Amino acid sequence: MQIVRLISADCKKAKHTPLLWIHLVIPLIGAAAMVCYDSFSHSVYSVSNVGGYLQLLAMAFPLLIGVICSLCIEQESQAGKFQVLFTSSKPKFLTLLSKFIFLVLLGFGAALLAVFCYAGGISAVLHKSLFPWTFYLTATLILTGSFLFCYIFHLFLSLRFGKGASIGVGIAELLLSAIFNTDLGDKIWVAFPCTWGIRFVTTWTNIASKSALQAAKNMMASQTAAELTTGILICIVATILSIFFASVWFSRWEGQKSED
């Protein structure tokens, strides 16, 4: 299958770049830092610690996606001005999809490493386990799925406008996700893809930490069920449409950036 061959080729290319190390080292450092912080904190370890860590991951995701996508595309730019991208597959958009899938898989692996190393570290150091392992796996899937739009969006930015645009937008998204996680983001967060992850994973933590009735009351206090449903639908539809339109655009793109 052609897409599998393209993803395999991307894996081989990544061996000579910092991509793999970024996805390995940063999650380990982040998890270790938070385990140390929670270990030496004078407050009692609780659900808020877990929720806070997952929120930090969700805030960091957009910036890391911006950096990673820019590095990936920069490599292709240096290798003959994207000629490898244009000649690797027919139809041409499969090359873009392979990049997208490859980076998403790396992101999922990094998120899985960050979440489970944190949970394992807390269990080993503090001898506490507030949630089952299935909770952390679901949280990882929510985080990864929430940022599929951001991956394809930053690939487009990196291709069309260069690495500066991708990283700059990633910084802005990080700030937005932090601001819109407060009351300022109520009702309008659904329109900002960078905030989907932090809102969804926060809701998941609330639901998993309480009884069904308590979780429903808590969810209604912070965001209505209708608002959450709207956010999920917008996330799914926007992600599908973004992949479609990016594929159409890439099929017609000739390698020109705005900075050229």
Protein backbone atom coordinates (compact mmCIF):
# COMPACT_ATOMS: atom_id res chain seq x y z
CA MET A 1 0.00 0.00 0.00
CA GLN A 2 1.44 3.32 -1.09
CA ILE A 3 0.61 5.29 2.08
CA VAL A 4 2.38 2.69 4.23
CA ARG A 5 5.48 2.95 2.03
CA LEU A 6 5.44 6.73 2.36
CA ILE A 7 5.10 6.60 6.16
CA SER A 8 7.97 4.11 6.28
CA ALA A 9 10.07 6.53 4.24
CA ASP A 10 9.22 9.35 6.65
CA CYS A 11 10.38 7.16 9.54
CA LYS A 12 13.74 6.61 7.86
CA LYS A 13 14.13 10.35 7.18
CA ALA A 14 13.35 11.17 10.80
CA LYS A 15 16.35 9.17 11.99
CA HIS A 16 18.60 11.97 10.78
CA THR A 17 16.59 14.78 12.37
CA PRO A 18 15.79 15.92 15.94
CA LEU A 19 12.15 14.85 15.54
CA LEU A 20 12.45 11.50 17.31
CA TRP A 21 14.55 12.94 20.14
CA ILE A 22 12.07 15.79 20.65
CA HIS A 23 9.21 13.31 21.00
CA LEU A 24 11.26 11.23 23.45
CA VAL A 25 13.15 13.73 25.60
CA ILE A 26 10.51 16.44 26.13
CA PRO A 27 7.81 14.05 27.47
CA LEU A 28 10.31 12.43 29.83
CA ILE A 29 11.58 15.76 31.14
CA GLY A 30 8.05 17.15 31.52
CA ALA A 31 6.77 14.06 33.35
CA ALA A 32 9.82 13.92 35.63
CA ALA A 33 9.52 17.63 36.45
CA MET A 34 5.85 17.31 37.41
CA VAL A 35 6.46 14.18 39.48
CA CYS A 36 9.17 16.01 41.40
CA TYR A 37 6.92 19.05 41.86
CA ASP A 38 4.02 16.98 43.17
CA SER A 39 6.37 14.97 45.39
CA PHE A 40 7.81 18.02 47.13
CA SER A 41 4.57 20.00 47.20
CA HIS A 42 3.13 20.55 50.66
CA SER A 43 -0.43 20.17 49.41
CA VAL A 44 -2.18 16.81 49.40
CA TYR A 45 -1.97 15.01 46.06
CA SER A 46 -5.45 15.01 44.51
CA VAL A 47 -7.43 14.92 41.29
CA SER A 48 -6.55 18.57 40.69
CA ASN A 49 -2.90 17.58 40.29
CA VAL A 50 -3.75 15.09 37.56
CA GLY A 51 -6.10 17.53 35.86
CA GLY A 52 -3.51 20.30 36.06
CA TYR A 53 -0.85 18.12 34.44
CA LEU A 54 -3.17 17.12 31.59
CA GLN A 55 -4.08 20.77 31.08
CA LEU A 56 -0.40 21.69 30.85
CA LEU A 57 0.06 19.03 28.19
CA ALA A 58 -2.93 20.39 26.27
CA MET A 59 -1.52 23.92 26.42
CA ALA A 60 1.93 22.82 25.25
CA PHE A 61 0.61 20.76 22.33
CA PRO A 62 -0.07 23.64 19.87
CA LEU A 63 3.40 25.14 20.30
CA LEU A 64 5.13 21.78 20.00
CA ILE A 65 3.05 20.98 16.91
CA GLY A 66 4.10 24.29 15.37
CA VAL A 67 7.79 23.57 16.00
CA ILE A 68 7.62 19.93 14.88
CA CYS A 69 5.70 20.63 11.67
CA SER A 70 8.11 23.43 10.77
CA LEU A 71 11.13 21.14 11.31
CA CYS A 72 9.56 18.40 9.21
CA ILE A 73 8.76 20.72 6.30
CA GLU A 74 12.09 22.54 6.58
CA GLN A 75 13.82 19.22 5.98
CA GLU A 76 11.83 18.73 2.78
CA SER A 77 12.57 22.28 1.68
CA GLN A 78 16.29 21.75 2.05
CA ALA A 79 16.08 18.47 0.12
CA GLY A 80 15.61 19.98 -3.31
CA LYS A 81 12.87 22.55 -2.72
CA PHE A 82 10.10 20.01 -2.05
CA GLN A 83 10.82 18.00 -5.18
CA VAL A 84 10.83 14.77 -3.16
CA LEU A 85 7.35 15.63 -1.88
CA PHE A 86 6.07 16.20 -5.40
CA THR A 87 7.49 13.04 -6.94
CA SER A 88 7.04 10.49 -4.16
CA SER A 89 3.42 9.55 -4.82
CA LYS A 90 0.54 9.59 -7.25
CA PRO A 91 -1.79 11.23 -6.44
CA LYS A 92 0.45 13.89 -4.97
CA PHE A 93 -1.63 14.58 -1.85
CA LEU A 94 -0.76 11.15 -0.41
CA THR A 95 2.65 12.54 0.48
CA LEU A 96 1.03 15.23 2.62
CA LEU A 97 -1.25 12.68 4.26
CA SER A 98 1.72 10.46 5.07
CA LYS A 99 3.46 13.39 6.77
CA PHE A 100 0.28 14.10 8.70
CA ILE A 101 -0.20 10.50 9.83
CA PHE A 102 3.48 10.12 10.72
CA LEU A 103 3.52 13.26 12.88
CA VAL A 104 0.24 12.31 14.56
CA LEU A 105 1.66 8.90 15.43
CA LEU A 106 4.75 10.55 16.89
CA GLY A 107 2.54 12.96 18.83
CA PHE A 108 0.42 10.12 20.18
CA GLY A 109 3.54 8.25 21.26
CA ALA A 110 4.93 11.35 22.97
CA ALA A 111 1.62 12.03 24.74
CA LEU A 112 1.39 8.40 25.81
CA LEU A 113 4.93 8.56 27.18
CA ALA A 114 4.27 11.82 29.02
CA VAL A 115 1.01 10.65 30.58
CA PHE A 116 2.06 7.15 31.59
CA CYS A 117 5.49 8.20 32.86
CA TYR A 118 3.77 10.76 35.06
CA ALA A 119 1.21 8.25 36.33
CA GLY A 120 3.89 5.62 36.89
CA GLY A 121 6.18 8.11 38.61
CA ILE A 122 3.45 9.25 40.99
CA SER A 123 2.56 5.63 41.74
CA ALA A 124 6.20 4.76 42.45
CA VAL A 125 7.11 7.86 44.46
CA LEU A 126 3.90 8.74 46.30
CA HIS A 127 2.35 5.26 46.17
CA LYS A 128 -0.91 6.78 44.98
CA SER A 129 -3.08 5.94 42.02
CA LEU A 130 -6.21 8.05 41.70
CA PHE A 131 -7.28 6.66 38.33
CA PRO A 132 -7.04 3.33 36.50
CA TRP A 133 -4.69 3.01 33.53
CA THR A 134 -7.67 3.13 31.17
CA PHE A 135 -8.31 6.71 32.29
CA TYR A 136 -4.83 7.78 31.20
CA LEU A 137 -5.12 5.96 27.89
CA THR A 138 -8.42 7.66 27.16
CA ALA A 139 -6.95 11.04 28.13
CA THR A 140 -4.08 10.45 25.69
CA LEU A 141 -6.51 9.59 22.89
CA ILE A 142 -8.56 12.70 23.66
CA LEU A 143 -5.47 14.92 23.56
CA THR A 144 -4.23 13.47 20.28
CA GLY A 145 -7.63 13.51 18.60
CA SER A 146 -8.31 17.08 19.68
CA PHE A 147 -5.20 18.35 17.92
CA LEU A 148 -5.54 16.60 14.54
CA PHE A 149 -6.77 19.89 13.09
CA CYS A 150 -3.69 21.69 14.44
CA TYR A 151 -1.36 19.18 12.78
CA ILE A 152 -2.81 19.65 9.31
CA PHE A 153 -3.12 23.41 9.85
CA HIS A 154 0.53 23.79 10.86
CA LEU A 155 1.68 21.62 7.97
CA PHE A 156 -0.14 24.03 5.68
CA LEU A 157 1.38 27.06 7.42
CA SER A 158 4.88 25.59 7.21
CA LEU A 159 4.49 24.75 3.52
CA ARG A 160 2.88 27.99 2.43
CA PHE A 161 4.36 30.60 4.77
CA GLY A 162 7.46 29.01 6.30
CA LYS A 163 8.57 27.91 9.75
CA GLY A 164 8.28 31.39 11.29
CA ALA A 165 4.53 31.46 10.71
CA SER A 166 4.01 27.98 12.11
CA ILE A 167 6.00 28.64 15.28
CA GLY A 168 4.51 32.11 15.74
CA VAL A 169 0.96 30.81 15.47
CA GLY A 170 1.89 27.99 17.86
CA ILE A 171 2.95 30.53 20.49
CA ALA A 172 -0.29 32.46 20.02
CA GLU A 173 -2.29 29.22 20.33
CA LEU A 174 -0.54 28.33 23.57
CA LEU A 175 -1.53 31.70 25.05
CA LEU A 176 -5.08 31.41 23.76
CA SER A 177 -5.54 27.93 25.20
CA ALA A 178 -4.38 29.17 28.60
CA ILE A 179 -6.66 32.24 28.52
CA PHE A 180 -9.70 30.43 27.14
CA ASN A 181 -9.47 27.76 29.82
CA THR A 182 -10.87 30.40 32.17
CA ASP A 183 -14.34 31.94 32.21
CA LEU A 184 -13.27 34.19 29.35
CA GLY A 185 -13.42 31.20 27.02
CA ASP A 186 -16.89 30.00 27.94
CA LYS A 187 -19.18 29.61 24.90
CA ILE A 188 -16.52 30.85 22.43
CA TRP A 189 -13.85 28.18 22.95
CA VAL A 190 -15.58 25.89 20.45
CA ALA A 191 -14.44 28.22 17.63
CA PHE A 192 -10.74 27.95 18.52
CA PRO A 193 -9.11 24.57 17.70
CA CYS A 194 -6.20 25.18 20.05
CA THR A 195 -8.60 25.14 23.01
CA TRP A 196 -10.41 21.90 22.18
CA GLY A 197 -7.83 19.67 23.85
CA ILE A 198 -7.72 21.48 27.17
CA ARG A 199 -11.52 21.71 27.42
CA PHE A 200 -12.14 18.09 26.45
CA VAL A 201 -9.50 16.61 28.74
CA THR A 202 -10.68 18.77 31.64
CA THR A 203 -14.23 17.54 31.17
CA TRP A 204 -13.00 13.95 30.96
CA THR A 205 -11.09 14.34 34.24
CA ASN A 206 -14.15 15.78 35.94
CA ILE A 207 -16.37 12.96 34.73
CA ALA A 208 -13.89 10.23 35.67
CA SER A 209 -13.33 11.61 39.16
CA LYS A 210 -16.95 11.84 40.27
CA SER A 211 -20.16 9.88 40.27
CA ALA A 212 -22.38 10.25 37.23
CA LEU A 213 -24.66 12.75 38.99
CA GLN A 214 -21.82 14.83 40.42
CA ALA A 215 -20.03 14.83 37.06
CA ALA A 216 -23.17 16.05 35.31
CA LYS A 217 -23.61 18.87 37.82
CA ASN A 218 -19.96 19.87 37.51
CA MET A 219 -20.10 19.84 33.72
CA MET A 220 -23.24 21.96 33.71
CA ALA A 221 -21.55 24.47 36.02
CA SER A 222 -18.55 24.99 33.75
CA GLN A 223 -20.00 24.36 30.30
CA THR A 224 -23.38 23.12 29.24
CA ALA A 225 -23.84 19.68 27.75
CA ALA A 226 -25.00 21.35 24.54
CA GLU A 227 -21.83 23.43 24.42
CA LEU A 228 -19.66 20.34 24.85
CA THR A 229 -21.58 18.47 22.16
CA THR A 230 -21.19 21.43 19.82
CA GLY A 231 -17.46 21.51 20.48
CA ILE A 232 -17.09 17.81 19.69
CA LEU A 233 -19.10 18.11 16.46
CA ILE A 234 -17.14 21.17 15.33
CA CYS A 235 -13.87 19.40 16.14
CA ILE A 236 -14.81 16.35 14.04
CA VAL A 237 -16.24 18.27 11.08
CA ALA A 238 -13.46 20.88 11.02
CA THR A 239 -10.79 18.18 11.16
CA ILE A 240 -12.29 16.23 8.25
CA LEU A 241 -12.77 19.37 6.16
CA SER A 242 -9.26 20.63 6.92
CA ILE A 243 -7.71 17.36 5.74
CA PHE A 244 -9.82 17.46 2.57
CA PHE A 245 -9.06 21.09 1.67
CA ALA A 246 -5.38 20.74 2.56
CA SER A 247 -5.15 17.71 0.25
CA VAL A 248 -6.83 19.63 -2.59
CA TRP A 249 -4.57 22.63 -2.05
CA PHE A 250 -1.41 20.53 -1.90
CA SER A 251 -2.35 18.74 -5.14
CA ARG A 252 -2.26 22.14 -6.90
CA TRP A 253 0.64 23.68 -5.00
CA GLU A 254 3.91 24.14 -6.87
CA GLY A 255 6.26 24.74 -3.97
CA GLN A 256 6.09 28.49 -3.69
CA LYS A 257 6.16 30.14 -0.26
CA SER A 258 5.09 33.68 0.51
CA GLU A 259 8.67 34.36 1.63
CA ASP A 260 10.14 33.24 -1.74
